[in-house]
Amino acid sequence: MALPNWYRRCIGCGEGRDKRKMLRIVKNKGQAPELDLQQKKPGRGAYVCPNSQCVMLARKKRGLERSFRCSVDDQIYEKLIQQVSAVENRKS
């Protein structure tokens, strides 16, 4: 059975869910990965659940490296954790 077009898997925990309930991380050629809150930026995308634990799991599992097929600095993960924490705080 085919999965729906809006179904995405978290690069941290591996849970599949509606992409509108997840955060998209995008990478363009020559640029560092960044958070894409509108989910409209061009480039290769990876999805993570909207909590900092999943970003930390993605860091441990090297999820961005696998998704983007490149090396990702720890500073990028730290920046993403801060941004996701800010999004978490806005929602609560």
N, C-alpha and C. Protein backbone atom coordinates (compact mmCIF):
# COMPACT_ATOMS: atom_id res chain seq x y z
N MET A 1 0.83 -1.18 0.00
CA MET A 1 0.00 0.00 0.00
C MET A 1 0.88 1.25 0.00
N ALA A 2 0.60 2.20 -0.85
CA ALA A 2 1.38 3.43 -0.95
C ALA A 2 1.03 4.37 0.20
N LEU A 3 2.03 5.09 0.66
CA LEU A 3 1.81 6.06 1.73
C LEU A 3 1.28 7.36 1.14
N PRO A 4 0.52 8.13 1.91
CA PRO A 4 0.01 9.41 1.42
C PRO A 4 1.15 10.37 1.09
N ASN A 5 0.91 11.31 0.21
CA ASN A 5 1.92 12.27 -0.23
C ASN A 5 2.38 13.19 0.89
N TRP A 6 1.58 13.42 1.90
CA TRP A 6 1.92 14.34 2.99
C TRP A 6 2.62 13.64 4.15
N TYR A 7 2.90 12.36 4.04
CA TYR A 7 3.49 11.55 5.11
C TYR A 7 5.01 11.70 5.07
N ARG A 8 5.61 12.05 6.21
CA ARG A 8 7.07 12.17 6.30
C ARG A 8 7.55 11.47 7.56
N ARG A 9 8.82 11.04 7.54
CA ARG A 9 9.41 10.33 8.66
C ARG A 9 10.45 11.24 9.33
N CYS A 10 10.41 11.29 10.65
CA CYS A 10 11.35 12.10 11.44
C CYS A 10 12.75 11.50 11.34
N ILE A 11 13.76 12.35 11.11
CA ILE A 11 15.13 11.85 11.03
C ILE A 11 15.71 11.56 12.41
N GLY A 12 14.99 11.94 13.47
CA GLY A 12 15.44 11.66 14.83
C GLY A 12 14.85 10.37 15.37
N CYS A 13 13.55 10.38 15.61
CA CYS A 13 12.89 9.23 16.25
C CYS A 13 12.40 8.20 15.24
N GLY A 14 12.26 8.59 13.97
CA GLY A 14 11.80 7.66 12.95
C GLY A 14 10.29 7.54 12.85
N GLU A 15 9.56 8.31 13.65
CA GLU A 15 8.10 8.26 13.61
C GLU A 15 7.58 8.95 12.35
N GLY A 16 6.61 8.35 11.70
CA GLY A 16 6.00 8.94 10.52
C GLY A 16 4.75 9.71 10.91
N ARG A 17 4.57 10.88 10.32
CA ARG A 17 3.40 11.70 10.62
C ARG A 17 3.16 12.71 9.50
N ASP A 18 2.12 13.48 9.65
CA ASP A 18 1.75 14.52 8.70
C ASP A 18 2.86 15.57 8.65
N LYS A 19 3.33 15.90 7.45
CA LYS A 19 4.45 16.84 7.34
C LYS A 19 4.09 18.23 7.84
N ARG A 20 2.81 18.57 7.87
CA ARG A 20 2.39 19.88 8.37
C ARG A 20 2.57 20.00 9.88
N LYS A 21 2.74 18.86 10.56
CA LYS A 21 2.95 18.87 12.01
C LYS A 21 4.43 18.69 12.37
N MET A 22 5.29 18.74 11.36
CA MET A 22 6.72 18.55 11.57
C MET A 22 7.47 19.81 11.14
N LEU A 23 8.73 19.88 11.51
CA LEU A 23 9.59 20.99 11.10
C LEU A 23 10.48 20.52 9.96
N ARG A 24 10.63 21.37 8.95
CA ARG A 24 11.45 21.02 7.79
C ARG A 24 12.80 21.70 7.92
N ILE A 25 13.84 20.93 7.65
CA ILE A 25 15.19 21.46 7.59
C ILE A 25 15.60 21.35 6.13
N VAL A 26 16.10 22.44 5.56
CA VAL A 26 16.40 22.47 4.13
C VAL A 26 17.88 22.80 3.91
N LYS A 27 18.43 22.26 2.83
CA LYS A 27 19.81 22.55 2.46
C LYS A 27 19.88 22.81 0.96
N ASN A 28 20.43 23.97 0.60
CA ASN A 28 20.71 24.31 -0.79
C ASN A 28 22.17 24.07 -1.07
N LYS A 29 22.54 24.00 -2.32
CA LYS A 29 23.95 23.82 -2.68
C LYS A 29 24.76 24.98 -2.12
N GLY A 30 25.85 24.66 -1.46
CA GLY A 30 26.74 25.68 -0.94
C GLY A 30 26.27 26.38 0.32
N GLN A 31 25.15 25.97 0.87
CA GLN A 31 24.64 26.60 2.09
C GLN A 31 24.53 25.57 3.20
N ALA A 32 24.56 26.05 4.43
CA ALA A 32 24.39 25.17 5.58
C ALA A 32 22.90 24.86 5.75
N PRO A 33 22.58 23.72 6.34
CA PRO A 33 21.17 23.40 6.61
C PRO A 33 20.55 24.45 7.53
N GLU A 34 19.27 24.75 7.29
CA GLU A 34 18.57 25.73 8.10
C GLU A 34 17.12 25.32 8.26
N LEU A 35 16.48 25.85 9.29
CA LEU A 35 15.08 25.56 9.57
C LEU A 35 14.20 26.30 8.56
N ASP A 36 13.22 25.61 8.01
CA ASP A 36 12.29 26.18 7.03
C ASP A 36 10.89 26.11 7.61
N LEU A 37 10.49 27.14 8.33
CA LEU A 37 9.20 27.12 9.03
C LEU A 37 8.01 27.14 8.08
N GLN A 38 8.14 27.79 6.91
CA GLN A 38 7.04 27.85 5.95
C GLN A 38 6.99 26.61 5.05
N GLN A 39 8.04 25.80 5.07
CA GLN A 39 8.16 24.58 4.26
C GLN A 39 8.04 24.89 2.77
N LYS A 40 8.64 26.01 2.34
CA LYS A 40 8.56 26.40 0.93
C LYS A 40 9.91 26.71 0.31
N LYS A 41 10.97 26.71 1.09
CA LYS A 41 12.28 27.06 0.54
C LYS A 41 12.74 25.96 -0.42
N PRO A 42 13.46 26.36 -1.48
CA PRO A 42 13.97 25.35 -2.41
C PRO A 42 15.15 24.59 -1.81
N GLY A 43 15.34 23.39 -2.24
CA GLY A 43 16.46 22.58 -1.79
C GLY A 43 15.99 21.26 -1.23
N ARG A 44 16.95 20.45 -0.85
CA ARG A 44 16.66 19.13 -0.31
C ARG A 44 16.18 19.29 1.13
N GLY A 45 15.11 18.60 1.49
CA GLY A 45 14.53 18.75 2.82
C GLY A 45 14.59 17.49 3.65
N ALA A 46 14.62 17.67 4.95
CA ALA A 46 14.52 16.59 5.92
C ALA A 46 13.55 17.07 7.00
N TYR A 47 12.83 16.14 7.59
CA TYR A 47 11.80 16.50 8.56
C TYR A 47 12.15 15.97 9.94
N VAL A 48 11.77 16.75 10.96
CA VAL A 48 12.01 16.38 12.35
C VAL A 48 10.78 16.78 13.16
N CYS A 49 10.47 15.98 14.18
CA CYS A 49 9.35 16.32 15.06
C CYS A 49 9.65 17.65 15.75
N PRO A 50 8.64 18.42 16.09
CA PRO A 50 8.87 19.75 16.66
C PRO A 50 9.26 19.73 18.14
N ASN A 51 10.29 18.94 18.48
CA ASN A 51 10.81 18.97 19.84
C ASN A 51 12.32 18.78 19.80
N SER A 52 13.00 19.36 20.77
CA SER A 52 14.47 19.35 20.76
C SER A 52 15.04 17.95 20.98
N GLN A 53 14.29 17.06 21.62
CA GLN A 53 14.77 15.69 21.81
C GLN A 53 15.00 14.99 20.47
N CYS A 54 14.11 15.22 19.52
CA CYS A 54 14.26 14.59 18.20
C CYS A 54 15.46 15.16 17.45
N VAL A 55 15.74 16.45 17.62
CA VAL A 55 16.92 17.04 16.98
C VAL A 55 18.18 16.44 17.60
N MET A 56 18.17 16.23 18.92
CA MET A 56 19.32 15.61 19.57
C MET A 56 19.49 14.16 19.12
N LEU A 57 18.38 13.45 18.94
CA LEU A 57 18.45 12.08 18.41
C LEU A 57 18.99 12.08 16.98
N ALA A 58 18.55 13.04 16.18
CA ALA A 58 19.04 13.15 14.80
C ALA A 58 20.54 13.41 14.80
N ARG A 59 21.00 14.20 15.75
CA ARG A 59 22.44 14.47 15.87
C ARG A 59 23.19 13.19 16.21
N LYS A 60 22.65 12.43 17.15
CA LYS A 60 23.29 11.19 17.57
C LYS A 60 23.32 10.17 16.43
N LYS A 61 22.22 10.10 15.67
CA LYS A 61 22.12 9.14 14.56
C LYS A 61 22.69 9.67 13.25
N ARG A 62 23.16 10.93 13.26
CA ARG A 62 23.70 11.59 12.08
C ARG A 62 22.67 11.64 10.95
N GLY A 63 21.45 12.00 11.34
CA GLY A 63 20.33 12.02 10.41
C GLY A 63 20.47 13.04 9.29
N LEU A 64 20.98 14.23 9.60
CA LEU A 64 21.15 15.24 8.55
C LEU A 64 22.22 14.82 7.55
N GLU A 65 23.27 14.19 8.04
CA GLU A 65 24.32 13.72 7.14
C GLU A 65 23.76 12.71 6.14
N ARG A 66 22.92 11.81 6.64
CA ARG A 66 22.32 10.81 5.75
C ARG A 66 21.35 11.45 4.77
N SER A 67 20.54 12.36 5.25
CA SER A 67 19.53 12.99 4.39
C SER A 67 20.15 13.89 3.33
N PHE A 68 21.17 14.65 3.71
CA PHE A 68 21.76 15.61 2.79
C PHE A 68 23.02 15.10 2.10
N ARG A 69 23.48 13.93 2.48
CA ARG A 69 24.66 13.31 1.88
C ARG A 69 25.88 14.23 1.92
N CYS A 70 26.10 14.83 3.09
CA CYS A 70 27.25 15.70 3.30
C CYS A 70 27.55 15.75 4.80
N SER A 71 28.69 16.31 5.15
CA SER A 71 29.01 16.44 6.57
C SER A 71 28.34 17.69 7.13
N VAL A 72 27.90 17.59 8.38
CA VAL A 72 27.21 18.70 9.05
C VAL A 72 27.93 18.97 10.36
N ASP A 73 28.33 20.23 10.57
CA ASP A 73 29.03 20.61 11.79
C ASP A 73 28.12 20.52 13.00
N ASP A 74 28.72 20.29 14.17
CA ASP A 74 27.95 20.27 15.41
C ASP A 74 27.33 21.63 15.70
N GLN A 75 27.94 22.71 15.21
CA GLN A 75 27.39 24.05 15.41
C GLN A 75 26.02 24.18 14.75
N ILE A 76 25.85 23.51 13.62
CA ILE A 76 24.56 23.54 12.92
C ILE A 76 23.50 22.88 13.79
N TYR A 77 23.84 21.72 14.38
CA TYR A 77 22.90 21.03 15.26
C TYR A 77 22.55 21.90 16.47
N GLU A 78 23.55 22.57 17.05
CA GLU A 78 23.30 23.45 18.20
C GLU A 78 22.34 24.57 17.82
N LYS A 79 22.56 25.16 16.65
CA LYS A 79 21.68 26.23 16.18
C LYS A 79 20.26 25.71 15.97
N LEU A 80 20.13 24.51 15.39
CA LEU A 80 18.81 23.93 15.16
C LEU A 80 18.11 23.62 16.48
N ILE A 81 18.86 23.12 17.47
CA ILE A 81 18.28 22.83 18.78
C ILE A 81 17.73 24.12 19.40
N GLN A 82 18.49 25.22 19.29
CA GLN A 82 18.03 26.51 19.83
C GLN A 82 16.78 26.98 19.11
N GLN A 83 16.76 26.85 17.78
CA GLN A 83 15.60 27.30 17.01
C GLN A 83 14.37 26.46 17.32
N VAL A 84 14.54 25.15 17.43
CA VAL A 84 13.41 24.26 17.74
C VAL A 84 12.91 24.52 19.15
N SER A 85 13.81 24.80 20.09
CA SER A 85 13.40 25.13 21.45
C SER A 85 12.58 26.42 21.46
N ALA A 86 12.98 27.39 20.64
CA ALA A 86 12.21 28.64 20.54
C ALA A 86 10.82 28.38 19.97
N VAL A 87 10.72 27.49 18.98
CA VAL A 87 9.41 27.14 18.41
C VAL A 87 8.56 26.43 19.46
N GLU A 88 9.20 25.52 20.24
CA GLU A 88 8.49 24.81 21.32
C GLU A 88 7.92 25.80 22.33
N ASN A 89 8.74 26.79 22.72
CA ASN A 89 8.31 27.77 23.72
C ASN A 89 7.17 28.64 23.21
N ARG A 90 7.17 28.95 21.91
CA ARG A 90 6.08 29.75 21.34
C ARG A 90 4.77 28.99 21.35
N LYS A 91 4.84 27.68 21.15
CA LYS A 91 3.62 26.87 21.09
C LYS A 91 3.02 26.61 22.47
N SER A 92 3.86 26.68 23.53
CA SER A 92 3.32 26.40 24.87
C SER A 92 2.83 27.64 25.56
